[in-house]
Each structure stands twice: as C-alpha cells, then as structure tokens.
C-alpha cells in the first residue's frame, strides 16, 4: 500500500512502530524515485513523507524526556519552587 501524507502521520506511536514506518517510507521513496525518476512529483512527495515522519519522530522524542526541573519537583513536591497556586 503506497504511503500518503495522511497515512504517514499519526499521533504518539511507540518508537519502534515509528522507526518501522520511517524505514518503510524510506524504502518506498527509493523505489518510487527509481521507477518514476528523481525529478518526478511522485519522488518529491515520497521524500516529503519521509521528512515528515522523521520530524514527527524527533518531536515525540523531545516530548518524552522530562526536564531536570520536573524530576526535582517529582522528588520534592513540597519544595517552594514546585508549588502551584490557583489564582
């Protein structure tokens, strides 16, 4: 099944599934460019899909990593810096 931009992007997939999709998209982009030509629109679209998947994967990796401050507040919930007040 050919990838389209709609099927290439999804929300918060596990890293293994996302890596598999990136590899599949990469293989398909190479095959598309070999069959259609490196200057074809289909080739450009295939590489755009690869790029979008890589960007989403990078974005998800950044979101998964808690900051040092979050770790501190988890360890010290009563610390003055970690208090949250409703106004």
PDB file of N, CA and C in Angstrom:
ATOM      1  N   UNK A   1       0.843  -1.179   0.000  1.00  0.00           N
ATOM      2  CA  UNK A   1       0.000   0.000   0.000  1.00  0.00           C
ATOM      3  C   UNK A   1       0.887   1.240   0.000  1.00  0.00           C
ATOM      4  N   UNK A   2       0.722   2.121  -0.965  1.00  0.00           N
ATOM      5  CA  UNK A   2       1.541   3.320  -1.008  1.00  0.00           C
ATOM      6  C   UNK A   2       1.221   4.237   0.168  1.00  0.00           C
ATOM      7  N   UNK A   3       2.253   4.857   0.680  1.00  0.00           N
ATOM      8  CA  UNK A   3       2.057   5.809   1.761  1.00  0.00           C
ATOM      9  C   UNK A   3       1.575   7.127   1.193  1.00  0.00           C
ATOM     10  N   UNK A   4       0.697   7.783   1.896  1.00  0.00           N
ATOM     11  CA  UNK A   4       0.312   9.147   1.580  1.00  0.00           C
ATOM     12  C   UNK A   4       0.585   9.962   2.819  1.00  0.00           C
ATOM     13  N   UNK A   5       0.524  11.260   2.701  1.00  0.00           N
ATOM     14  CA  UNK A   5       0.789  12.105   3.847  1.00  0.00           C
ATOM     15  C   UNK A   5      -0.218  11.832   4.957  1.00  0.00           C
ATOM     16  N   UNK A   6      -1.450  11.530   4.594  1.00  0.00           N
ATOM     17  CA  UNK A   6      -2.471  11.257   5.599  1.00  0.00           C
ATOM     18  C   UNK A   6      -2.165   9.973   6.377  1.00  0.00           C
ATOM     19  N   UNK A   7      -1.658   8.944   5.701  1.00  0.00           N
ATOM     20  CA  UNK A   7      -1.370   7.697   6.397  1.00  0.00           C
ATOM     21  C   UNK A   7       0.008   7.717   7.041  1.00  0.00           C
ATOM     22  N   UNK A   8       0.819   8.692   6.693  1.00  0.00           N
ATOM     23  CA  UNK A   8       2.178   8.726   7.222  1.00  0.00           C
ATOM     24  C   UNK A   8       2.247   9.376   8.592  1.00  0.00           C
ATOM     25  N   UNK A   9       1.352  10.296   8.884  1.00  0.00           N
ATOM     26  CA  UNK A   9       1.408  10.985  10.162  1.00  0.00           C
ATOM     27  C   UNK A   9       0.350  10.418  11.090  1.00  0.00           C
ATOM     28  N   UNK A  10       0.719  10.236  12.337  1.00  0.00           N
ATOM     29  CA  UNK A  10      -0.215   9.758  13.334  1.00  0.00           C
ATOM     30  C   UNK A  10       0.170  10.366  14.664  1.00  0.00           C
ATOM     31  N   UNK A  11      -0.579  10.041  15.699  1.00  0.00           N
ATOM     32  CA  UNK A  11      -0.312  10.649  16.993  1.00  0.00           C
ATOM     33  C   UNK A  11       0.343   9.659  17.925  1.00  0.00           C
ATOM     34  N   UNK A  12       1.465  10.028  18.457  1.00  0.00           N
ATOM     35  CA  UNK A  12       2.185   9.331  19.508  1.00  0.00           C
ATOM     36  C   UNK A  12       2.257   7.815  19.347  1.00  0.00           C
ATOM     37  N   UNK A  13       2.885   7.403  18.301  1.00  0.00           N
ATOM     38  CA  UNK A  13       3.138   5.969  18.105  1.00  0.00           C
ATOM     39  C   UNK A  13       4.314   5.555  18.971  1.00  0.00           C
ATOM     40  N   UNK A  14       4.372   4.291  19.357  1.00  0.00           N
ATOM     41  CA  UNK A  14       5.569   3.820  20.057  1.00  0.00           C
ATOM     42  C   UNK A  14       6.793   3.993  19.169  1.00  0.00           C
ATOM     43  N   UNK A  15       7.965   4.234  19.772  1.00  0.00           N
ATOM     44  CA  UNK A  15       9.165   4.488  18.963  1.00  0.00           C
ATOM     45  C   UNK A  15       9.487   3.380  17.968  1.00  0.00           C
ATOM     46  N   UNK A  16       9.259   2.128  18.321  1.00  0.00           N
ATOM     47  CA  UNK A  16       9.567   1.024  17.417  1.00  0.00           C
ATOM     48  C   UNK A  16       8.664   1.079  16.185  1.00  0.00           C
ATOM     49  N   UNK A  17       7.400   1.350  16.387  1.00  0.00           N
ATOM     50  CA  UNK A  17       6.462   1.436  15.262  1.00  0.00           C
ATOM     51  C   UNK A  17       6.804   2.626  14.376  1.00  0.00           C
ATOM     52  N   UNK A  18       7.194   3.719  14.988  1.00  0.00           N
ATOM     53  CA  UNK A  18       7.542   4.912  14.223  1.00  0.00           C
ATOM     54  C   UNK A  18       8.807   4.666  13.396  1.00  0.00           C
ATOM     55  N   UNK A  19       9.796   3.983  13.976  1.00  0.00           N
ATOM     56  CA  UNK A  19      11.012   3.664  13.234  1.00  0.00           C
ATOM     57  C   UNK A  19      10.703   2.743  12.059  1.00  0.00           C
ATOM     58  N   UNK A  20       9.815   1.786  12.254  1.00  0.00           N
ATOM     59  CA  UNK A  20       9.412   0.865  11.181  1.00  0.00           C
ATOM     60  C   UNK A  20       8.748   1.633  10.048  1.00  0.00           C
ATOM     61  N   UNK A  21       7.874   2.560  10.397  1.00  0.00           N
ATOM     62  CA  UNK A  21       7.197   3.354   9.369  1.00  0.00           C
ATOM     63  C   UNK A  21       8.183   4.220   8.608  1.00  0.00           C
ATOM     64  N   UNK A  22       9.183   4.761   9.329  1.00  0.00           N
ATOM     65  CA  UNK A  22      10.199   5.567   8.648  1.00  0.00           C
ATOM     66  C   UNK A  22      11.006   4.712   7.677  1.00  0.00           C
ATOM     67  N   UNK A  23      11.372   3.503   8.094  1.00  0.00           N
ATOM     68  CA  UNK A  23      12.123   2.607   7.218  1.00  0.00           C
ATOM     69  C   UNK A  23      11.297   2.221   5.993  1.00  0.00           C
ATOM     70  N   UNK A  24      10.004   1.928   6.215  1.00  0.00           N
ATOM     71  CA  UNK A  24       9.121   1.594   5.092  1.00  0.00           C
ATOM     72  C   UNK A  24       9.003   2.764   4.122  1.00  0.00           C
ATOM     73  N   UNK A  25       8.839   3.970   4.666  1.00  0.00           N
ATOM     74  CA  UNK A  25       8.714   5.156   3.822  1.00  0.00           C
ATOM     75  C   UNK A  25      10.010   5.414   3.059  1.00  0.00           C
ATOM     76  N   UNK A  26      11.140   5.181   3.701  1.00  0.00           N
ATOM     77  CA  UNK A  26      12.433   5.365   3.050  1.00  0.00           C
ATOM     78  C   UNK A  26      12.597   4.383   1.884  1.00  0.00           C
ATOM     79  N   UNK A  27      12.251   3.131   2.123  1.00  0.00           N
ATOM     80  CA  UNK A  27      12.327   2.122   1.058  1.00  0.00           C
ATOM     81  C   UNK A  27      11.399   2.474  -0.092  1.00  0.00           C
ATOM     82  N   UNK A  28      10.196   2.914   0.241  1.00  0.00           N
ATOM     83  CA  UNK A  28       9.236   3.259  -0.794  1.00  0.00           C
ATOM     84  C   UNK A  28       9.689   4.495  -1.570  1.00  0.00           C
ATOM     85  N   UNK A  29      10.295   5.464  -0.884  1.00  0.00           N
ATOM     86  CA  UNK A  29      10.782   6.658  -1.575  1.00  0.00           C
ATOM     87  C   UNK A  29      11.882   6.294  -2.561  1.00  0.00           C
ATOM     88  N   UNK A  30      12.776   5.429  -2.143  1.00  0.00           N
ATOM     89  CA  UNK A  30      13.846   4.997  -3.056  1.00  0.00           C
ATOM     90  C   UNK A  30      13.288   4.266  -4.269  1.00  0.00           C
ATOM     91  N   UNK A  31      12.320   3.385  -4.025  1.00  0.00           N
ATOM     92  CA  UNK A  31      11.714   2.634  -5.123  1.00  0.00           C
ATOM     93  C   UNK A  31      10.943   3.560  -6.056  1.00  0.00           C
ATOM     94  N   UNK A  32      10.207   4.501  -5.492  1.00  0.00           N
ATOM     95  CA  UNK A  32       9.432   5.442  -6.304  1.00  0.00           C
ATOM     96  C   UNK A  32      10.348   6.277  -7.188  1.00  0.00           C
ATOM     97  N   UNK A  33      11.433   6.762  -6.610  1.00  0.00           N
ATOM     98  CA  UNK A  33      12.362   7.582  -7.390  1.00  0.00           C
ATOM     99  C   UNK A  33      13.072   6.766  -8.468  1.00  0.00           C
ATOM    100  N   UNK A  34      13.343   5.500  -8.182  1.00  0.00           N
ATOM    101  CA  UNK A  34      13.974   4.639  -9.183  1.00  0.00           C
ATOM    102  C   UNK A  34      13.014   4.374 -10.341  1.00  0.00           C
ATOM    103  N   UNK A  35      11.724   4.192 -10.035  1.00  0.00           N
ATOM    104  CA  UNK A  35      10.736   3.888 -11.072  1.00  0.00           C
ATOM    105  C   UNK A  35      10.263   5.125 -11.822  1.00  0.00           C
ATOM    106  N   UNK A  36      10.006   6.211 -11.090  1.00  0.00           N
ATOM    107  CA  UNK A  36       9.401   7.407 -11.682  1.00  0.00           C
ATOM    108  C   UNK A  36      10.427   8.430 -12.148  1.00  0.00           C
ATOM    109  N   UNK A  37      11.629   8.342 -11.624  1.00  0.00           N
ATOM    110  CA  UNK A  37      12.657   9.337 -11.949  1.00  0.00           C
ATOM    111  C   UNK A  37      12.858  10.293 -10.780  1.00  0.00           C
ATOM    112  N   UNK A  38      14.081  10.743 -10.629  1.00  0.00           N
ATOM    113  CA  UNK A  38      14.432  11.581  -9.482  1.00  0.00           C
ATOM    114  C   UNK A  38      13.786  12.957  -9.523  1.00  0.00           C
ATOM    115  N   UNK A  39      13.335  13.396 -10.679  1.00  0.00           N
ATOM    116  CA  UNK A  39      12.730  14.725 -10.784  1.00  0.00           C
ATOM    117  C   UNK A  39      11.202  14.675 -10.851  1.00  0.00           C
ATOM    118  N   UNK A  40      10.610  13.503 -10.639  1.00  0.00           N
ATOM    119  CA  UNK A  40       9.149  13.388 -10.728  1.00  0.00           C
ATOM    120  C   UNK A  40       8.474  13.913  -9.465  1.00  0.00           C
ATOM    121  N   UNK A  41       7.209  14.268  -9.613  1.00  0.00           N
ATOM    122  CA  UNK A  41       6.431  14.734  -8.464  1.00  0.00           C
ATOM    123  C   UNK A  41       6.241  13.617  -7.452  1.00  0.00           C
ATOM    124  N   UNK A  42       6.070  12.402  -7.920  1.00  0.00           N
ATOM    125  CA  UNK A  42       5.879  11.263  -7.012  1.00  0.00           C
ATOM    126  C   UNK A  42       7.115  11.056  -6.138  1.00  0.00           C
ATOM    127  N   UNK A  43       8.277  11.256  -6.708  1.00  0.00           N
ATOM    128  CA  UNK A  43       9.522  11.127  -5.954  1.00  0.00           C
ATOM    129  C   UNK A  43       9.599  12.210  -4.884  1.00  0.00           C
ATOM    130  N   UNK A  44       9.259  13.431  -5.240  1.00  0.00           N
ATOM    131  CA  UNK A  44       9.289  14.531  -4.275  1.00  0.00           C
ATOM    132  C   UNK A  44       8.302  14.286  -3.133  1.00  0.00           C
ATOM    133  N   UNK A  45       7.119  13.794  -3.465  1.00  0.00           N
ATOM    134  CA  UNK A  45       6.114  13.502  -2.439  1.00  0.00           C
ATOM    135  C   UNK A  45       6.599  12.389  -1.512  1.00  0.00           C
ATOM    136  N   UNK A  46       7.203  11.373  -2.079  1.00  0.00           N
ATOM    137  CA  UNK A  46       7.702  10.261  -1.268  1.00  0.00           C
ATOM    138  C   UNK A  46       8.756  10.742  -0.275  1.00  0.00           C
ATOM    139  N   UNK A  47       9.667  11.610  -0.721  1.00  0.00           N
ATOM    140  CA  UNK A  47      10.688  12.129   0.193  1.00  0.00           C
ATOM    141  C   UNK A  47      10.101  13.107   1.199  1.00  0.00           C
ATOM    142  N   UNK A  48       9.043  13.822   0.834  1.00  0.00           N
ATOM    143  CA  UNK A  48       8.356  14.693   1.800  1.00  0.00           C
ATOM    144  C   UNK A  48       7.752  13.862   2.926  1.00  0.00           C
ATOM    145  N   UNK A  49       7.212  12.705   2.586  1.00  0.00           N
ATOM    146  CA  UNK A  49       6.634  11.816   3.598  1.00  0.00           C
ATOM    147  C   UNK A  49       7.720  11.330   4.551  1.00  0.00           C
ATOM    148  N   UNK A  50       8.868  10.959   4.004  1.00  0.00           N
ATOM    149  CA  UNK A  50       9.992  10.534   4.850  1.00  0.00           C
ATOM    150  C   UNK A  50      10.382  11.666   5.795  1.00  0.00           C
ATOM    151  N   UNK A  51      10.482  12.865   5.265  1.00  0.00           N
ATOM    152  CA  UNK A  51      10.868  14.019   6.085  1.00  0.00           C
ATOM    153  C   UNK A  51       9.847  14.300   7.183  1.00  0.00           C
ATOM    154  N   UNK A  52       8.567  14.211   6.864  1.00  0.00           N
ATOM    155  CA  UNK A  52       7.515  14.437   7.866  1.00  0.00           C
ATOM    156  C   UNK A  52       7.579  13.392   8.982  1.00  0.00           C
ATOM    157  N   UNK A  53       7.806  12.143   8.615  1.00  0.00           N
ATOM    158  CA  UNK A  53       7.910  11.092   9.625  1.00  0.00           C
ATOM    159  C   UNK A  53       9.119  11.311  10.522  1.00  0.00           C
ATOM    160  N   UNK A  54      10.235  11.715   9.941  1.00  0.00           N
ATOM    161  CA  UNK A  54      11.426  11.981  10.747  1.00  0.00           C
ATOM    162  C   UNK A  54      11.200  13.155  11.696  1.00  0.00           C
ATOM    163  N   UNK A  55      10.527  14.187  11.227  1.00  0.00           N
ATOM    164  CA  UNK A  55      10.236  15.337  12.081  1.00  0.00           C
ATOM    165  C   UNK A  55       9.311  14.941  13.229  1.00  0.00           C
ATOM    166  N   UNK A  56       8.307  14.149  12.941  1.00  0.00           N
ATOM    167  CA  UNK A  56       7.377  13.698  13.984  1.00  0.00           C
ATOM    168  C   UNK A  56       8.097  12.832  15.007  1.00  0.00           C
ATOM    169  N   UNK A  57       8.974  11.957  14.544  1.00  0.00           N
ATOM    170  CA  UNK A  57       9.733  11.092  15.447  1.00  0.00           C
ATOM    171  C   UNK A  57      10.615  11.933  16.376  1.00  0.00           C
ATOM    172  N   UNK A  58      11.293  12.924  15.819  1.00  0.00           N
ATOM    173  CA  UNK A  58      12.142  13.805  16.625  1.00  0.00           C
ATOM    174  C   UNK A  58      11.311  14.591  17.632  1.00  0.00           C
ATOM    175  N   UNK A  59      10.164  15.058  17.193  1.00  0.00           N
ATOM    176  CA  UNK A  59       9.276  15.821  18.073  1.00  0.00           C
ATOM    177  C   UNK A  59       8.796  14.964  19.238  1.00  0.00           C
ATOM    178  N   UNK A  60       8.437  13.727  18.964  1.00  0.00           N
ATOM    179  CA  UNK A  60       7.980  12.823  20.019  1.00  0.00           C
ATOM    180  C   UNK A  60       9.101  12.506  21.001  1.00  0.00           C
ATOM    181  N   UNK A  61      10.326  12.345  20.520  1.00  0.00           N
ATOM    182  CA  UNK A  61      11.453  12.059  21.409  1.00  0.00           C
ATOM    183  C   UNK A  61      11.701  13.222  22.363  1.00  0.00           C
ATOM    184  N   UNK A  62      11.570  14.449  21.873  1.00  0.00           N
ATOM    185  CA  UNK A  62      11.773  15.620  22.720  1.00  0.00           C
ATOM    186  C   UNK A  62      10.682  15.698  23.776  1.00  0.00           C
ATOM    187  N   UNK A  63       9.452  15.397  23.418  1.00  0.00           N
ATOM    188  CA  UNK A  63       8.341  15.470  24.362  1.00  0.00           C
ATOM    189  C   UNK A  63       8.441  14.405  25.440  1.00  0.00           C
ATOM    190  N   UNK A  64       9.048  13.276  25.156  1.00  0.00           N
ATOM    191  CA  UNK A  64       9.122  12.178  26.115  1.00  0.00           C
ATOM    192  C   UNK A  64      10.094  12.452  27.249  1.00  0.00           C
ATOM    193  N   UNK A  65      11.094  13.287  27.031  1.00  0.00           N
ATOM    194  CA  UNK A  65      12.137  13.494  28.013  1.00  0.00           C
ATOM    195  C   UNK A  65      11.725  14.586  29.004  1.00  0.00           C
ATOM    196  N   UNK A  66      11.554  14.206  30.293  1.00  0.00           N
ATOM    197  CA  UNK A  66      11.206  15.230  31.289  1.00  0.00           C
ATOM    198  C   UNK A  66      12.425  16.100  31.593  1.00  0.00           C
ATOM    199  N   UNK A  67      12.177  17.318  31.984  1.00  0.00           N
ATOM    200  CA  UNK A  67      13.274  18.222  32.305  1.00  0.00           C
ATOM    201  C   UNK A  67      13.829  17.915  33.691  1.00  0.00           C
ATOM    202  N   UNK A  68      14.979  18.473  33.995  1.00  0.00           N
ATOM    203  CA  UNK A  68      15.579  18.316  35.321  1.00  0.00           C
ATOM    204  C   UNK A  68      14.659  18.897  36.382  1.00  0.00           C
ATOM    205  N   UNK A  69      14.019  20.006  36.051  1.00  0.00           N
ATOM    206  CA  UNK A  69      13.109  20.641  36.999  1.00  0.00           C
ATOM    207  C   UNK A  69      11.916  19.730  37.303  1.00  0.00           C
ATOM    208  N   UNK A  70      11.367  19.073  36.292  1.00  0.00           N
ATOM    209  CA  UNK A  70      10.263  18.137  36.514  1.00  0.00           C
ATOM    210  C   UNK A  70      10.700  16.996  37.425  1.00  0.00           C
ATOM    211  N   UNK A  71      11.895  16.489  37.210  1.00  0.00           N
ATOM    212  CA  UNK A  71      12.415  15.432  38.079  1.00  0.00           C
ATOM    213  C   UNK A  71      12.575  15.903  39.508  1.00  0.00           C
ATOM    214  N   UNK A  72      13.082  17.141  39.680  1.00  0.00           N
ATOM    215  CA  UNK A  72      13.230  17.708  41.014  1.00  0.00           C
ATOM    216  C   UNK A  72      11.874  17.832  41.698  1.00  0.00           C
ATOM    217  N   UNK A  73      10.873  18.338  40.965  1.00  0.00           N
ATOM    218  CA  UNK A  73       9.540  18.522  41.553  1.00  0.00           C
ATOM    219  C   UNK A  73       8.874  17.184  41.862  1.00  0.00           C
ATOM    220  N   UNK A  74       9.148  16.168  41.060  1.00  0.00           N
ATOM    221  CA  UNK A  74       8.606  14.841  41.365  1.00  0.00           C
ATOM    222  C   UNK A  74       9.214  14.288  42.641  1.00  0.00           C
ATOM    223  N   UNK A  75      10.507  14.567  42.862  1.00  0.00           N
ATOM    224  CA  UNK A  75      11.186  14.100  44.063  1.00  0.00           C
ATOM    225  C   UNK A  75      10.877  14.966  45.279  1.00  0.00           C
ATOM    226  N   UNK A  76      10.584  16.242  45.053  1.00  0.00           N
ATOM    227  CA  UNK A  76      10.351  17.200  46.138  1.00  0.00           C
ATOM    228  C   UNK A  76       9.071  17.988  45.886  1.00  0.00           C
ATOM    229  N   UNK A  77       7.903  17.356  46.001  1.00  0.00           N
ATOM    230  CA  UNK A  77       6.659  18.050  45.646  1.00  0.00           C
ATOM    231  C   UNK A  77       6.331  19.241  46.546  1.00  0.00           C
ATOM    232  N   UNK A  78       6.887  19.291  47.729  1.00  0.00           N
ATOM    233  CA  UNK A  78       6.588  20.399  48.643  1.00  0.00           C
ATOM    234  C   UNK A  78       7.617  21.519  48.571  1.00  0.00           C
ATOM    235  N   UNK A  79       8.574  21.422  47.690  1.00  0.00           N
ATOM    236  CA  UNK A  79       9.568  22.489  47.548  1.00  0.00           C
ATOM    237  C   UNK A  79       8.883  23.761  47.070  1.00  0.00           C
ATOM    238  N   UNK A  80       9.396  24.877  47.534  1.00  0.00           N
ATOM    239  CA  UNK A  80       8.775  26.164  47.211  1.00  0.00           C
ATOM    240  C   UNK A  80       8.718  26.408  45.702  1.00  0.00           C
ATOM    241  N   UNK A  81       9.761  25.985  44.986  1.00  0.00           N
ATOM    242  CA  UNK A  81       9.796  26.200  43.544  1.00  0.00           C
ATOM    243  C   UNK A  81       8.734  25.411  42.795  1.00  0.00           C
ATOM    244  N   UNK A  82       8.251  24.335  43.438  1.00  0.00           N
ATOM    245  CA  UNK A  82       7.324  23.428  42.759  1.00  0.00           C
ATOM    246  C   UNK A  82       5.865  23.673  43.108  1.00  0.00           C
ATOM    247  N   UNK A  83       5.619  24.586  43.989  1.00  0.00           N
ATOM    248  CA  UNK A  83       4.236  24.859  44.384  1.00  0.00           C
ATOM    249  C   UNK A  83       3.493  25.558  43.271  1.00  0.00           C
ATOM    250  N   UNK A  84       2.248  25.178  43.089  1.00  0.00           N
ATOM    251  CA  UNK A  84       1.384  25.772  42.082  1.00  0.00           C
ATOM    252  C   UNK A  84       0.168  26.340  42.804  1.00  0.00           C
ATOM    253  N   UNK A  85      -0.123  27.597  42.532  1.00  0.00           N
ATOM    254  CA  UNK A  85      -1.235  28.269  43.191  1.00  0.00           C
ATOM    255  C   UNK A  85      -2.298  28.600  42.168  1.00  0.00           C
ATOM    256  N   UNK A  86      -3.548  28.367  42.531  1.00  0.00           N
ATOM    257  CA  UNK A  86      -4.668  28.788  41.686  1.00  0.00           C
ATOM    258  C   UNK A  86      -4.986  30.232  42.029  1.00  0.00           C
ATOM    259  N   UNK A  87      -5.117  31.037  41.007  1.00  0.00           N
ATOM    260  CA  UNK A  87      -5.380  32.470  41.240  1.00  0.00           C
ATOM    261  C   UNK A  87      -6.794  32.783  40.849  1.00  0.00           C
TER     262      UNK A  87
END
